[in-house]
Amino acid sequence: MADKIIRVLLVDDHQVVRRGLRTFLEIQDDIEVVGEASDGAEGVARTEELRPDVVLMDIKMPGTDGIEALRRLRELDNPAKVLIVTSFTEQRTVVPALRAGASGYVYKDVDPDALAGAIRSVHAGHVLLQPEVAGALLADDNTGTGTGRGSTLTEREREVLSLIADGRSNREIARALVLSEKTVKTHVSNILMKLDLADRTQAALWAVRHGAAG
C-alpha cells in the first residue's frame, strides 16, 4: 500500500556511500529513497522541501555537519526522524548527535536487512541505542539531579514513561494502556515539561537512571 511506504532522504558527503545505501534500500518494498544531499545544509533544505519520513544522516561532513543539521531541523520543528549513519570510530560524536535530536544510529557497514529494520523502527517512534552508547549517554547525563522531579509525575505519566524507556512508540503505548494516540502525545509532552527534558531519548535515559523503567 502506498500509504505504508517510508520516504527516506540520504545525507552524506560521499557519493559512493549514498549509492551503496540507495542500493541497499531499493530491494525493500516499503521504503522509497526520495532524494539525496551532500552536506548538512543541503540536507536541511531537502528535508524541508521533500518532507521525508526518515533522514539517514552522516555526522562528519564538510561545512555544516550532521549535528548542526540536526539542531537546525529541531529549530524548524521538522517531524522527520533522523537516523545517524556512522562508523565505530565516531562513537564519541554519536552522543552529541543523539542529544541534538537523532532517533538512533547504524554503522556504515550495516547489512540491508538491519538497515531497513532500523529505518522501520525509528519511523515507528522507537529510539535505537546500542549498549555502549547508552552507557556513554548515561555517564554524561546532565538531565535532572535526582528523582525529585519524578515526584511531579502522575501515575499514568509514570506508566507512559516506563513504556518510553522500553522503546515503545506512541501507537504501541496507546494500545498497551488503552488510550488514544492524542492522549499519549499529551502525556509525553507533560513528562518532558515536568522533567525539563528535550526529547524521548532523554526521557528514556532519565527513566533508566532513576529507576522508572519497566
N, C-alpha and C. Protein backbone atom coordinates (compact mmCIF):
# COMPACT_ATOMS: atom_id res chain seq x y z
N MET A 1 0.85 -1.20 0.00
CA MET A 1 0.00 0.00 0.00
C MET A 1 0.88 1.24 0.00
N ALA A 2 0.48 2.23 -0.82
CA ALA A 2 1.30 3.43 -0.96
C ALA A 2 1.42 4.20 0.34
N ASP A 3 0.33 4.17 1.16
CA ASP A 3 0.38 4.94 2.39
C ASP A 3 1.29 4.32 3.43
N LYS A 4 1.82 3.13 3.17
CA LYS A 4 2.72 2.49 4.11
C LYS A 4 4.18 2.64 3.69
N ILE A 5 4.43 3.29 2.57
CA ILE A 5 5.80 3.50 2.10
C ILE A 5 6.51 4.50 2.99
N ILE A 6 7.70 4.15 3.46
CA ILE A 6 8.51 5.06 4.27
C ILE A 6 9.43 5.84 3.34
N ARG A 7 9.29 7.14 3.33
CA ARG A 7 10.06 8.00 2.43
C ARG A 7 11.37 8.40 3.12
N VAL A 8 12.49 8.14 2.45
CA VAL A 8 13.81 8.31 3.06
C VAL A 8 14.67 9.29 2.26
N LEU A 9 15.40 10.15 2.98
CA LEU A 9 16.37 11.05 2.38
C LEU A 9 17.77 10.64 2.84
N LEU A 10 18.72 10.60 1.91
CA LEU A 10 20.11 10.24 2.22
C LEU A 10 20.98 11.49 2.28
N VAL A 11 21.69 11.68 3.40
CA VAL A 11 22.56 12.85 3.55
C VAL A 11 23.97 12.37 3.91
N ASP A 12 24.87 12.46 2.95
CA ASP A 12 26.27 12.02 3.15
C ASP A 12 27.12 12.71 2.10
N ASP A 13 28.34 13.13 2.49
CA ASP A 13 29.19 13.84 1.52
C ASP A 13 29.89 12.90 0.55
N HIS A 14 29.83 11.59 0.78
CA HIS A 14 30.46 10.65 -0.14
C HIS A 14 29.41 10.01 -1.05
N GLN A 15 29.57 10.25 -2.33
CA GLN A 15 28.60 9.73 -3.29
C GLN A 15 28.54 8.21 -3.27
N VAL A 16 29.70 7.57 -3.05
CA VAL A 16 29.73 6.11 -3.04
C VAL A 16 28.92 5.56 -1.86
N VAL A 17 28.93 6.26 -0.75
CA VAL A 17 28.14 5.83 0.41
C VAL A 17 26.66 5.98 0.10
N ARG A 18 26.29 7.12 -0.48
CA ARG A 18 24.87 7.33 -0.84
C ARG A 18 24.41 6.28 -1.83
N ARG A 19 25.28 5.97 -2.79
CA ARG A 19 24.92 4.97 -3.79
C ARG A 19 24.74 3.60 -3.14
N GLY A 20 25.62 3.27 -2.19
CA GLY A 20 25.52 2.00 -1.51
C GLY A 20 24.25 1.90 -0.69
N LEU A 21 23.93 2.98 0.03
CA LEU A 21 22.71 2.99 0.83
C LEU A 21 21.48 2.87 -0.05
N ARG A 22 21.49 3.59 -1.16
CA ARG A 22 20.35 3.51 -2.08
C ARG A 22 20.18 2.09 -2.60
N THR A 23 21.30 1.45 -2.95
CA THR A 23 21.24 0.07 -3.44
C THR A 23 20.65 -0.86 -2.40
N PHE A 24 21.07 -0.68 -1.14
CA PHE A 24 20.52 -1.47 -0.04
C PHE A 24 19.00 -1.33 0.03
N LEU A 25 18.55 -0.07 -0.08
CA LEU A 25 17.15 0.21 0.21
C LEU A 25 16.22 -0.08 -0.97
N GLU A 26 16.77 -0.13 -2.18
CA GLU A 26 15.92 -0.36 -3.35
C GLU A 26 15.30 -1.74 -3.37
N ILE A 27 15.83 -2.66 -2.58
CA ILE A 27 15.26 -4.02 -2.57
C ILE A 27 14.15 -4.15 -1.53
N GLN A 28 13.86 -3.06 -0.81
CA GLN A 28 12.81 -3.09 0.21
C GLN A 28 11.50 -2.58 -0.40
N ASP A 29 10.44 -3.33 -0.23
CA ASP A 29 9.15 -2.96 -0.83
C ASP A 29 8.50 -1.76 -0.15
N ASP A 30 8.81 -1.53 1.12
CA ASP A 30 8.11 -0.49 1.87
C ASP A 30 8.97 0.76 2.12
N ILE A 31 10.10 0.87 1.43
CA ILE A 31 10.98 2.02 1.60
C ILE A 31 11.29 2.64 0.25
N GLU A 32 11.19 3.96 0.18
CA GLU A 32 11.47 4.69 -1.06
C GLU A 32 12.47 5.80 -0.78
N VAL A 33 13.58 5.83 -1.51
CA VAL A 33 14.54 6.93 -1.39
C VAL A 33 14.05 8.09 -2.25
N VAL A 34 13.70 9.19 -1.59
CA VAL A 34 13.09 10.31 -2.31
C VAL A 34 14.09 11.39 -2.69
N GLY A 35 15.34 11.29 -2.18
CA GLY A 35 16.32 12.30 -2.52
C GLY A 35 17.64 12.09 -1.81
N GLU A 36 18.63 12.91 -2.19
CA GLU A 36 19.95 12.84 -1.60
C GLU A 36 20.47 14.25 -1.35
N ALA A 37 21.42 14.37 -0.43
CA ALA A 37 22.10 15.63 -0.16
C ALA A 37 23.54 15.33 0.21
N SER A 38 24.45 16.26 -0.11
CA SER A 38 25.87 16.01 0.08
C SER A 38 26.46 16.70 1.30
N ASP A 39 25.67 17.50 2.03
CA ASP A 39 26.14 18.09 3.28
C ASP A 39 24.95 18.46 4.15
N GLY A 40 25.22 18.89 5.36
CA GLY A 40 24.15 19.15 6.31
C GLY A 40 23.21 20.25 5.89
N ALA A 41 23.76 21.35 5.34
CA ALA A 41 22.92 22.47 4.94
C ALA A 41 21.94 22.04 3.84
N GLU A 42 22.47 21.32 2.86
CA GLU A 42 21.62 20.83 1.78
C GLU A 42 20.61 19.81 2.34
N GLY A 43 21.08 19.02 3.32
CA GLY A 43 20.19 18.05 3.93
C GLY A 43 18.99 18.70 4.60
N VAL A 44 19.24 19.80 5.32
CA VAL A 44 18.15 20.53 5.96
C VAL A 44 17.18 21.08 4.92
N ALA A 45 17.74 21.68 3.86
CA ALA A 45 16.90 22.25 2.81
C ALA A 45 16.07 21.18 2.12
N ARG A 46 16.70 20.04 1.82
CA ARG A 46 15.99 18.96 1.14
C ARG A 46 14.94 18.33 2.05
N THR A 47 15.23 18.28 3.36
CA THR A 47 14.26 17.74 4.30
C THR A 47 13.02 18.63 4.35
N GLU A 48 13.23 19.92 4.36
CA GLU A 48 12.11 20.85 4.35
C GLU A 48 11.34 20.77 3.04
N GLU A 49 12.06 20.57 1.94
CA GLU A 49 11.42 20.53 0.61
C GLU A 49 10.66 19.22 0.38
N LEU A 50 11.30 18.10 0.70
CA LEU A 50 10.74 16.79 0.35
C LEU A 50 9.89 16.18 1.46
N ARG A 51 10.05 16.65 2.70
CA ARG A 51 9.31 16.14 3.85
C ARG A 51 9.39 14.62 3.96
N PRO A 52 10.59 14.07 4.02
CA PRO A 52 10.73 12.62 4.16
C PRO A 52 10.29 12.17 5.55
N ASP A 53 10.01 10.88 5.69
CA ASP A 53 9.67 10.33 6.99
C ASP A 53 10.93 10.11 7.84
N VAL A 54 12.00 9.64 7.17
CA VAL A 54 13.25 9.33 7.85
C VAL A 54 14.42 9.91 7.05
N VAL A 55 15.37 10.50 7.76
CA VAL A 55 16.60 11.01 7.14
C VAL A 55 17.77 10.17 7.63
N LEU A 56 18.54 9.60 6.69
CA LEU A 56 19.79 8.92 7.05
C LEU A 56 20.89 9.96 6.97
N MET A 57 21.49 10.30 8.10
CA MET A 57 22.40 11.44 8.19
C MET A 57 23.80 11.02 8.64
N ASP A 58 24.80 11.41 7.84
CA ASP A 58 26.18 11.25 8.27
C ASP A 58 26.48 12.32 9.32
N ILE A 59 27.46 12.07 10.18
CA ILE A 59 27.82 13.08 11.18
C ILE A 59 28.90 14.01 10.65
N LYS A 60 30.00 13.44 10.17
CA LYS A 60 31.14 14.25 9.74
C LYS A 60 31.02 14.58 8.26
N MET A 61 30.73 15.85 8.00
CA MET A 61 30.63 16.35 6.62
C MET A 61 31.24 17.74 6.58
N PRO A 62 31.83 18.13 5.44
CA PRO A 62 32.41 19.47 5.33
C PRO A 62 31.31 20.53 5.40
N GLY A 63 31.66 21.69 5.92
CA GLY A 63 30.65 22.74 6.05
C GLY A 63 29.74 22.45 7.24
N THR A 64 28.47 22.33 6.98
CA THR A 64 27.50 22.02 8.02
C THR A 64 27.50 20.52 8.29
N ASP A 65 27.89 20.12 9.50
CA ASP A 65 27.95 18.69 9.80
C ASP A 65 26.58 18.18 10.24
N GLY A 66 26.51 16.89 10.52
CA GLY A 66 25.24 16.27 10.86
C GLY A 66 24.63 16.79 12.15
N ILE A 67 25.47 17.09 13.14
CA ILE A 67 24.95 17.57 14.43
C ILE A 67 24.31 18.94 14.28
N GLU A 68 24.97 19.83 13.53
CA GLU A 68 24.40 21.15 13.31
C GLU A 68 23.11 21.04 12.48
N ALA A 69 23.10 20.13 11.51
CA ALA A 69 21.89 19.91 10.72
C ALA A 69 20.74 19.44 11.60
N LEU A 70 21.03 18.56 12.54
CA LEU A 70 20.01 18.10 13.49
C LEU A 70 19.45 19.26 14.30
N ARG A 71 20.32 20.12 14.77
CA ARG A 71 19.87 21.27 15.56
C ARG A 71 18.98 22.19 14.74
N ARG A 72 19.33 22.38 13.47
CA ARG A 72 18.51 23.24 12.61
C ARG A 72 17.14 22.62 12.36
N LEU A 73 17.12 21.32 12.15
CA LEU A 73 15.84 20.65 11.93
C LEU A 73 14.96 20.74 13.18
N ARG A 74 15.58 20.67 14.35
CA ARG A 74 14.81 20.80 15.59
C ARG A 74 14.24 22.21 15.71
N GLU A 75 15.04 23.21 15.36
CA GLU A 75 14.57 24.60 15.40
C GLU A 75 13.40 24.81 14.45
N LEU A 76 13.44 24.12 13.32
CA LEU A 76 12.36 24.21 12.33
C LEU A 76 11.16 23.36 12.70
N ASP A 77 11.32 22.58 13.77
CA ASP A 77 10.27 21.66 14.22
C ASP A 77 9.87 20.71 13.10
N ASN A 78 10.87 20.25 12.35
CA ASN A 78 10.60 19.30 11.27
C ASN A 78 10.31 17.93 11.86
N PRO A 79 9.26 17.27 11.41
CA PRO A 79 8.85 15.99 12.02
C PRO A 79 9.65 14.77 11.58
N ALA A 80 10.55 14.92 10.62
CA ALA A 80 11.31 13.77 10.12
C ALA A 80 12.14 13.15 11.23
N LYS A 81 12.18 11.82 11.28
CA LYS A 81 13.05 11.12 12.20
C LYS A 81 14.44 11.02 11.56
N VAL A 82 15.47 11.23 12.36
CA VAL A 82 16.84 11.21 11.83
C VAL A 82 17.59 10.00 12.38
N LEU A 83 18.10 9.19 11.47
CA LEU A 83 18.90 8.03 11.83
C LEU A 83 20.33 8.29 11.41
N ILE A 84 21.23 8.37 12.37
CA ILE A 84 22.64 8.64 12.09
C ILE A 84 23.28 7.40 11.46
N VAL A 85 24.03 7.62 10.38
CA VAL A 85 24.80 6.55 9.73
C VAL A 85 26.26 6.87 9.96
N THR A 86 26.93 6.06 10.77
CA THR A 86 28.27 6.40 11.23
C THR A 86 29.17 5.18 11.20
N SER A 87 30.41 5.37 11.65
CA SER A 87 31.35 4.27 11.79
C SER A 87 31.71 4.13 13.26
N PHE A 88 32.22 2.99 13.66
CA PHE A 88 32.51 2.72 15.07
C PHE A 88 33.48 3.73 15.65
N THR A 89 34.42 4.22 14.83
CA THR A 89 35.43 5.15 15.34
C THR A 89 34.83 6.51 15.67
N GLU A 90 33.59 6.78 15.24
CA GLU A 90 32.96 8.07 15.50
C GLU A 90 32.05 8.03 16.73
N GLN A 91 32.21 7.02 17.57
CA GLN A 91 31.28 6.83 18.69
C GLN A 91 31.17 8.07 19.57
N ARG A 92 32.29 8.78 19.78
CA ARG A 92 32.25 9.95 20.67
C ARG A 92 31.37 11.05 20.12
N THR A 93 31.18 11.09 18.81
CA THR A 93 30.31 12.12 18.24
C THR A 93 28.87 11.66 18.15
N VAL A 94 28.62 10.38 18.39
CA VAL A 94 27.24 9.88 18.36
C VAL A 94 26.44 10.45 19.53
N VAL A 95 27.06 10.56 20.71
CA VAL A 95 26.36 11.06 21.89
C VAL A 95 25.80 12.46 21.65
N PRO A 96 26.60 13.46 21.22
CA PRO A 96 26.00 14.78 20.96
C PRO A 96 24.96 14.75 19.85
N ALA A 97 25.11 13.84 18.89
CA ALA A 97 24.11 13.74 17.83
C ALA A 97 22.78 13.28 18.39
N LEU A 98 22.81 12.31 19.29
CA LEU A 98 21.57 11.84 19.92
C LEU A 98 20.97 12.94 20.78
N ARG A 99 21.82 13.70 21.46
CA ARG A 99 21.31 14.80 22.28
C ARG A 99 20.73 15.91 21.40
N ALA A 100 21.20 16.01 20.16
CA ALA A 100 20.70 17.04 19.25
C ALA A 100 19.37 16.64 18.60
N GLY A 101 18.96 15.40 18.82
CA GLY A 101 17.65 15.02 18.32
C GLY A 101 17.58 13.78 17.45
N ALA A 102 18.70 13.10 17.23
CA ALA A 102 18.67 11.89 16.42
C ALA A 102 17.89 10.79 17.14
N SER A 103 17.24 9.93 16.37
CA SER A 103 16.45 8.83 16.95
C SER A 103 17.27 7.57 17.15
N GLY A 104 18.51 7.59 16.68
CA GLY A 104 19.37 6.42 16.82
C GLY A 104 20.46 6.44 15.78
N TYR A 105 21.15 5.33 15.64
CA TYR A 105 22.24 5.28 14.67
C TYR A 105 22.49 3.85 14.20
N VAL A 106 23.10 3.76 13.03
CA VAL A 106 23.56 2.49 12.49
C VAL A 106 24.97 2.70 11.95
N TYR A 107 25.70 1.60 11.80
CA TYR A 107 27.05 1.68 11.25
C TYR A 107 27.01 1.63 9.72
N LYS A 108 28.03 2.20 9.09
CA LYS A 108 28.03 2.28 7.64
C LYS A 108 28.16 0.93 6.96
N ASP A 109 28.63 -0.08 7.69
CA ASP A 109 28.74 -1.40 7.09
C ASP A 109 27.54 -2.29 7.45
N VAL A 110 26.44 -1.66 7.86
CA VAL A 110 25.25 -2.41 8.24
C VAL A 110 24.71 -3.20 7.04
N ASP A 111 24.18 -4.39 7.31
CA ASP A 111 23.61 -5.18 6.22
C ASP A 111 22.23 -4.64 5.87
N PRO A 112 21.74 -4.91 4.66
CA PRO A 112 20.47 -4.34 4.19
C PRO A 112 19.29 -4.59 5.11
N ASP A 113 19.15 -5.81 5.59
CA ASP A 113 18.01 -6.14 6.45
C ASP A 113 18.04 -5.33 7.75
N ALA A 114 19.23 -5.20 8.34
CA ALA A 114 19.36 -4.44 9.59
C ALA A 114 19.09 -2.96 9.36
N LEU A 115 19.56 -2.45 8.23
CA LEU A 115 19.33 -1.04 7.90
C LEU A 115 17.84 -0.78 7.71
N ALA A 116 17.20 -1.64 6.95
CA ALA A 116 15.76 -1.49 6.73
C ALA A 116 15.00 -1.60 8.04
N GLY A 117 15.42 -2.53 8.89
CA GLY A 117 14.78 -2.68 10.19
C GLY A 117 14.94 -1.45 11.05
N ALA A 118 16.13 -0.84 11.01
CA ALA A 118 16.38 0.38 11.79
C ALA A 118 15.50 1.52 11.30
N ILE A 119 15.36 1.64 9.98
CA ILE A 119 14.51 2.69 9.41
C ILE A 119 13.07 2.50 9.85
N ARG A 120 12.59 1.27 9.77
CA ARG A 120 11.21 0.98 10.20
C ARG A 120 11.03 1.28 11.69
N SER A 121 12.05 0.97 12.47
CA SER A 121 11.97 1.15 13.91
C SER A 121 11.85 2.62 14.30
N VAL A 122 12.73 3.47 13.75
CA VAL A 122 12.66 4.89 14.11
C VAL A 122 11.41 5.53 13.52
N HIS A 123 10.98 5.05 12.37
CA HIS A 123 9.74 5.57 11.77
C HIS A 123 8.55 5.28 12.68
N ALA A 124 8.61 4.15 13.38
CA ALA A 124 7.53 3.77 14.29
C ALA A 124 7.62 4.49 15.64
N GLY A 125 8.68 5.27 15.84
CA GLY A 125 8.80 6.03 17.07
C GLY A 125 9.77 5.48 18.09
N HIS A 126 10.52 4.43 17.72
CA HIS A 126 11.48 3.84 18.64
C HIS A 126 12.78 4.65 18.67
N VAL A 127 13.53 4.48 19.74
CA VAL A 127 14.86 5.07 19.87
C VAL A 127 15.87 3.93 19.83
N LEU A 128 16.83 4.00 18.90
CA LEU A 128 17.83 2.94 18.75
C LEU A 128 19.12 3.32 19.46
N LEU A 129 19.43 2.61 20.54
CA LEU A 129 20.63 2.87 21.29
C LEU A 129 21.41 1.57 21.49
N GLN A 130 22.63 1.52 21.00
CA GLN A 130 23.50 0.39 21.29
C GLN A 130 23.95 0.49 22.75
N PRO A 131 24.21 -0.63 23.41
CA PRO A 131 24.57 -0.59 24.84
C PRO A 131 25.72 0.35 25.17
N GLU A 132 26.77 0.36 24.32
CA GLU A 132 27.93 1.19 24.65
C GLU A 132 27.61 2.67 24.58
N VAL A 133 26.72 3.05 23.64
CA VAL A 133 26.35 4.46 23.53
C VAL A 133 25.34 4.83 24.60
N ALA A 134 24.44 3.93 24.94
CA ALA A 134 23.51 4.18 26.04
C ALA A 134 24.29 4.43 27.33
N GLY A 135 25.34 3.64 27.53
CA GLY A 135 26.18 3.82 28.72
C GLY A 135 26.87 5.17 28.71
N ALA A 136 27.36 5.57 27.54
CA ALA A 136 28.03 6.87 27.44
C ALA A 136 27.06 8.01 27.70
N LEU A 137 25.83 7.86 27.19
CA LEU A 137 24.82 8.89 27.43
C LEU A 137 24.49 9.00 28.91
N LEU A 138 24.33 7.87 29.55
CA LEU A 138 24.02 7.88 30.98
C LEU A 138 25.15 8.48 31.80
N ALA A 139 26.39 8.14 31.43
CA ALA A 139 27.55 8.66 32.15
C ALA A 139 27.68 10.16 32.00
N ASP A 140 27.23 10.66 30.83
CA ASP A 140 27.35 12.08 30.54
C ASP A 140 26.04 12.82 30.76
N ASP A 141 25.06 12.14 31.39
CA ASP A 141 23.73 12.71 31.52
C ASP A 141 23.70 13.83 32.54
N ASN A 142 23.26 15.01 32.09
CA ASN A 142 23.13 16.16 32.99
C ASN A 142 21.68 16.52 33.23
N THR A 143 20.75 15.63 32.82
CA THR A 143 19.34 15.95 32.93
C THR A 143 18.81 15.48 34.28
N GLY A 144 18.54 16.43 35.12
CA GLY A 144 17.98 16.09 36.44
C GLY A 144 19.09 15.77 37.43
N THR A 145 18.84 16.01 38.68
CA THR A 145 19.84 15.73 39.71
C THR A 145 19.38 14.64 40.66
N GLY A 146 18.23 14.05 40.39
CA GLY A 146 17.71 13.02 41.28
C GLY A 146 16.29 12.70 40.91
N THR A 147 15.62 12.02 41.79
CA THR A 147 14.26 11.60 41.48
C THR A 147 13.23 12.64 41.87
N GLY A 148 13.66 13.79 42.37
CA GLY A 148 12.72 14.80 42.84
C GLY A 148 11.72 15.22 41.78
N ARG A 149 12.20 15.45 40.57
CA ARG A 149 11.30 15.87 39.50
C ARG A 149 10.28 14.78 39.19
N GLY A 150 10.69 13.54 39.37
CA GLY A 150 9.79 12.44 39.07
C GLY A 150 8.57 12.42 39.97
N SER A 151 8.66 13.03 41.14
CA SER A 151 7.54 13.04 42.08
C SER A 151 6.38 13.87 41.55
N THR A 152 6.64 14.72 40.56
CA THR A 152 5.56 15.54 39.99
C THR A 152 4.76 14.79 38.94
N LEU A 153 5.23 13.61 38.53
CA LEU A 153 4.52 12.84 37.52
C LEU A 153 3.31 12.13 38.11
N THR A 154 2.24 12.09 37.32
CA THR A 154 1.07 11.32 37.75
C THR A 154 1.35 9.83 37.54
N GLU A 155 0.50 8.99 38.08
CA GLU A 155 0.67 7.55 37.91
C GLU A 155 0.62 7.16 36.44
N ARG A 156 -0.30 7.77 35.70
CA ARG A 156 -0.40 7.47 34.27
C ARG A 156 0.86 7.92 33.53
N GLU A 157 1.39 9.08 33.87
CA GLU A 157 2.61 9.56 33.23
C GLU A 157 3.78 8.64 33.52
N ARG A 158 3.81 8.07 34.73
CA ARG A 158 4.86 7.11 35.06
C ARG A 158 4.74 5.86 34.19
N GLU A 159 3.52 5.44 33.95
CA GLU A 159 3.30 4.28 33.08
C GLU A 159 3.78 4.57 31.67
N VAL A 160 3.45 5.75 31.17
CA VAL A 160 3.88 6.14 29.82
C VAL A 160 5.40 6.23 29.76
N LEU A 161 6.02 6.82 30.79
CA LEU A 161 7.48 6.96 30.82
C LEU A 161 8.15 5.59 30.81
N SER A 162 7.61 4.66 31.56
CA SER A 162 8.17 3.31 31.61
C SER A 162 8.14 2.66 30.22
N LEU A 163 7.05 2.89 29.49
CA LEU A 163 6.93 2.30 28.15
C LEU A 163 7.84 3.02 27.14
N ILE A 164 8.06 4.32 27.34
CA ILE A 164 9.02 5.04 26.51
C ILE A 164 10.41 4.43 26.70
N ALA A 165 10.76 4.17 27.94
CA ALA A 165 12.06 3.57 28.25
C ALA A 165 12.19 2.18 27.65
N ASP A 166 11.04 1.53 27.45
CA ASP A 166 11.02 0.19 26.86
C ASP A 166 11.09 0.24 25.34
N GLY A 167 11.19 1.47 24.79
CA GLY A 167 11.32 1.62 23.34
C GLY A 167 10.01 1.60 22.58
N ARG A 168 8.89 1.79 23.29
CA ARG A 168 7.58 1.73 22.63
C ARG A 168 7.26 3.05 21.92
N SER A 169 6.60 2.94 20.78
CA SER A 169 6.12 4.12 20.06
C SER A 169 4.83 4.61 20.70
N ASN A 170 4.39 5.81 20.32
CA ASN A 170 3.13 6.33 20.87
C ASN A 170 1.97 5.40 20.55
N ARG A 171 1.96 4.84 19.36
CA ARG A 171 0.89 3.94 18.97
C ARG A 171 0.87 2.69 19.86
N GLU A 172 2.06 2.15 20.12
CA GLU A 172 2.15 0.96 20.97
C GLU A 172 1.76 1.27 22.42
N ILE A 173 2.15 2.46 22.89
CA ILE A 173 1.78 2.86 24.24
C ILE A 173 0.27 3.01 24.34
N ALA A 174 -0.32 3.61 23.30
CA ALA A 174 -1.77 3.79 23.28
C ALA A 174 -2.48 2.44 23.37
N ARG A 175 -1.99 1.46 22.62
CA ARG A 175 -2.60 0.13 22.65
C ARG A 175 -2.43 -0.53 24.02
N ALA A 176 -1.22 -0.39 24.58
CA ALA A 176 -0.93 -1.05 25.85
C ALA A 176 -1.77 -0.48 27.00
N LEU A 177 -2.02 0.83 26.96
CA LEU A 177 -2.73 1.49 28.05
C LEU A 177 -4.19 1.79 27.72
N VAL A 178 -4.61 1.35 26.53
CA VAL A 178 -5.98 1.58 26.05
C VAL A 178 -6.31 3.08 26.09
N LEU A 179 -5.47 3.84 25.40
CA LEU A 179 -5.64 5.28 25.28
C LEU A 179 -5.60 5.67 23.80
N SER A 180 -6.01 6.87 23.50
CA SER A 180 -5.85 7.37 22.14
C SER A 180 -4.42 7.87 21.96
N GLU A 181 -3.92 7.89 20.72
CA GLU A 181 -2.57 8.39 20.46
C GLU A 181 -2.47 9.86 20.86
N LYS A 182 -3.54 10.61 20.66
CA LYS A 182 -3.54 12.02 21.04
C LYS A 182 -3.32 12.18 22.54
N THR A 183 -3.98 11.33 23.32
CA THR A 183 -3.80 11.39 24.78
C THR A 183 -2.37 11.02 25.17
N VAL A 184 -1.81 10.01 24.49
CA VAL A 184 -0.43 9.61 24.77
C VAL A 184 0.52 10.77 24.46
N LYS A 185 0.31 11.44 23.33
CA LYS A 185 1.16 12.57 22.97
C LYS A 185 1.11 13.65 24.04
N THR A 186 -0.08 13.87 24.59
CA THR A 186 -0.22 14.86 25.66
C THR A 186 0.57 14.44 26.89
N HIS A 187 0.47 13.16 27.24
CA HIS A 187 1.23 12.66 28.39
C HIS A 187 2.74 12.81 28.16
N VAL A 188 3.19 12.49 26.95
CA VAL A 188 4.62 12.60 26.64
C VAL A 188 5.07 14.06 26.77
N SER A 189 4.28 14.97 26.24
CA SER A 189 4.62 16.40 26.35
C SER A 189 4.70 16.84 27.80
N ASN A 190 3.75 16.37 28.62
CA ASN A 190 3.76 16.72 30.04
C ASN A 190 4.98 16.15 30.76
N ILE A 191 5.35 14.93 30.40
CA ILE A 191 6.52 14.30 31.00
C ILE A 191 7.78 15.10 30.69
N LEU A 192 7.95 15.47 29.43
CA LEU A 192 9.13 16.24 29.02
C LEU A 192 9.17 17.59 29.73
N MET A 193 8.00 18.22 29.86
CA MET A 193 7.95 19.53 30.51
C MET A 193 8.27 19.40 32.00
N LYS A 194 7.68 18.42 32.68
CA LYS A 194 7.88 18.27 34.12
C LYS A 194 9.31 17.87 34.46
N LEU A 195 9.93 17.06 33.59
CA LEU A 195 11.29 16.61 33.87
C LEU A 195 12.34 17.52 33.24
N ASP A 196 11.88 18.55 32.53
CA ASP A 196 12.77 19.50 31.86
C ASP A 196 13.69 18.78 30.88
N LEU A 197 13.10 17.95 30.03
CA LEU A 197 13.84 17.18 29.05
C LEU A 197 13.46 17.63 27.65
N ALA A 198 14.35 17.36 26.70
CA ALA A 198 14.13 17.85 25.34
C ALA A 198 13.40 16.86 24.45
N ASP A 199 13.58 15.56 24.68
CA ASP A 199 13.02 14.59 23.75
C ASP A 199 12.87 13.22 24.40
N ARG A 200 12.37 12.26 23.61
CA ARG A 200 12.11 10.92 24.12
C ARG A 200 13.40 10.19 24.51
N THR A 201 14.50 10.48 23.79
CA THR A 201 15.76 9.85 24.14
C THR A 201 16.16 10.20 25.56
N GLN A 202 16.09 11.48 25.90
CA GLN A 202 16.43 11.91 27.25
C GLN A 202 15.45 11.34 28.27
N ALA A 203 14.18 11.23 27.87
CA ALA A 203 13.18 10.67 28.79
C ALA A 203 13.50 9.21 29.08
N ALA A 204 13.87 8.46 28.05
CA ALA A 204 14.21 7.04 28.23
C ALA A 204 15.43 6.90 29.15
N LEU A 205 16.42 7.75 28.94
CA LEU A 205 17.63 7.70 29.77
C LEU A 205 17.34 8.11 31.21
N TRP A 206 16.48 9.12 31.38
CA TRP A 206 16.10 9.55 32.73
C TRP A 206 15.43 8.40 33.46
N ALA A 207 14.54 7.70 32.74
CA ALA A 207 13.81 6.59 33.36
C ALA A 207 14.77 5.49 33.81
N VAL A 208 15.74 5.18 32.96
CA VAL A 208 16.72 4.15 33.30
C VAL A 208 17.56 4.58 34.50
N ARG A 209 18.00 5.83 34.45
CA ARG A 209 18.89 6.33 35.50
C ARG A 209 18.21 6.39 36.87
N HIS A 210 16.92 6.73 36.86
CA HIS A 210 16.21 6.94 38.12
C HIS A 210 15.25 5.81 38.47
N GLY A 211 15.44 4.68 37.80
CA GLY A 211 14.67 3.51 38.18
C GLY A 211 13.21 3.55 37.81
N ALA A 212 12.87 4.36 36.80
CA ALA A 212 11.46 4.47 36.39
C ALA A 212 11.16 3.59 35.19
N ALA A 213 12.17 2.85 34.71
CA ALA A 213 11.95 1.97 33.56
C ALA A 213 11.24 0.70 34.03
N GLY A 214 10.54 0.08 33.08
CA GLY A 214 9.80 -1.13 33.42
C GLY A 214 10.70 -2.33 33.63
